[in-house]
Protein backbone atom coordinates (compact mmCIF):
# COMPACT_ATOMS: atom_id res chain seq x y z
CA UNK A 1 169.72 59.44 211.67
CA UNK A 2 165.97 59.99 211.59
CA UNK A 3 164.02 59.92 208.01
CA UNK A 4 163.26 63.44 208.58
CA UNK A 5 167.03 64.46 208.44
CA UNK A 6 167.97 61.92 205.80
CA UNK A 7 170.18 63.81 202.81
CA UNK A 8 167.52 62.17 200.31
CA UNK A 9 164.83 64.30 202.19
CA UNK A 10 166.60 67.46 202.08
CA UNK A 11 167.59 67.26 198.66
CA UNK A 12 164.07 66.34 197.76
CA UNK A 13 162.59 69.33 199.65
CA UNK A 14 165.52 71.76 198.10
CA UNK A 15 163.25 72.85 194.80
CA UNK A 16 160.30 73.41 197.01
CA UNK A 17 161.91 75.76 199.48
CA UNK A 18 163.75 77.33 196.24
CA UNK A 19 160.43 78.36 194.76
CA UNK A 20 159.08 79.59 198.22
CA UNK A 21 161.99 81.88 198.42
CA UNK A 22 161.67 83.07 194.90
CA UNK A 23 157.72 83.41 195.28
CA UNK A 24 157.89 85.25 198.61
CA UNK A 25 160.81 87.74 197.50
CA UNK A 26 159.31 88.16 193.81
CA UNK A 27 162.83 87.12 192.48
CA UNK A 28 163.24 87.03 188.47
CA UNK A 29 164.71 83.49 188.64
CA UNK A 30 164.09 79.98 188.50
CA UNK A 31 164.33 77.61 191.41
CA UNK A 32 167.35 75.62 189.96
CA UNK A 33 169.42 78.93 189.68
CA UNK A 34 169.64 79.01 193.31
CA UNK A 35 172.82 76.99 194.15
CA UNK A 36 171.96 74.61 197.02
CA UNK A 37 175.40 75.73 199.04
CA UNK A 38 175.99 79.14 197.94
CA UNK A 39 175.44 81.80 200.44
CA UNK A 40 172.06 83.35 200.91
CA UNK A 41 173.48 86.81 201.73
CA UNK A 42 176.42 88.84 200.23
CA UNK A 43 177.94 87.39 197.21
CA UNK A 44 175.55 84.62 197.01
CA UNK A 45 171.83 85.51 196.49
CA UNK A 46 172.47 88.89 197.94
CA UNK A 47 169.68 88.62 200.34
CA UNK A 48 169.25 91.27 203.23
CA UNK A 49 167.51 91.11 206.84
CA UNK A 50 164.17 92.13 205.35
CA UNK A 51 164.36 89.38 202.93
CA UNK A 52 164.92 87.01 206.22
CA UNK A 53 161.88 88.39 207.57
CA UNK A 54 159.76 87.68 204.54
CA UNK A 55 161.26 83.88 204.22
CA UNK A 56 160.71 83.41 207.85
CA UNK A 57 157.08 84.57 207.57
CA UNK A 58 156.28 82.21 204.63
CA UNK A 59 158.07 79.24 206.17
CA UNK A 60 155.97 79.85 209.36
CA UNK A 61 152.73 79.39 207.07
CA UNK A 62 153.98 76.64 204.87
CA UNK A 63 155.64 74.54 207.12
CA UNK A 64 153.89 75.26 210.71
CA UNK A 65 156.77 76.21 212.69
CA UNK A 66 158.32 79.84 213.86
CA UNK A 67 161.81 81.21 212.74
CA UNK A 68 162.82 83.28 215.52
CA UNK A 69 164.71 86.48 215.19
CA UNK A 70 166.24 85.72 218.55
CA UNK A 71 167.75 82.42 217.50
CA UNK A 72 171.37 81.99 218.05
CA UNK A 73 171.40 79.79 214.97
CA UNK A 74 170.05 81.93 212.36
CA UNK A 75 173.50 82.77 210.76
CA UNK A 76 173.73 78.93 210.17
CA UNK A 77 170.10 78.12 209.26
CA UNK A 78 170.15 81.28 206.53
CA UNK A 79 173.60 80.44 205.40
CA UNK A 80 172.43 78.27 202.40
CA UNK A 81 169.40 76.99 200.59
CA UNK A 82 170.43 73.61 201.80
CA UNK A 83 170.98 74.78 205.53
CA UNK A 84 167.74 76.34 205.53
CA UNK A 85 166.07 73.72 203.89
CA UNK A 86 167.68 70.89 206.50
CA UNK A 87 166.27 73.19 209.21
CA UNK A 88 162.75 72.97 207.77
CA UNK A 89 163.05 69.28 207.33
CA UNK A 90 163.99 68.85 210.88
CA UNK A 91 161.09 71.17 212.22
CA UNK A 92 158.14 71.18 209.91
CA UNK A 93 154.80 70.02 211.32
CA UNK A 94 152.82 70.39 207.97
């Protein structure tokens, strides 16, 4: 497994991505309140498709790659904070 995809790298990046989500969506909560494996949609954090667009925009600016709306893996990518963070760790250029 490459260093970029190691569990330690993903775990270390979780708080940063959680803060990014909170900031982008103006959520009234702390980064530690977002459970890493809880769903981002529905009964989890309760995000909707507009929220995903906002997150995709800030991820693009912060990490230097595009999250495309036509990506067939978006359901998996946005399934949880950990899944999104792992995707960022694997694709970031910044």
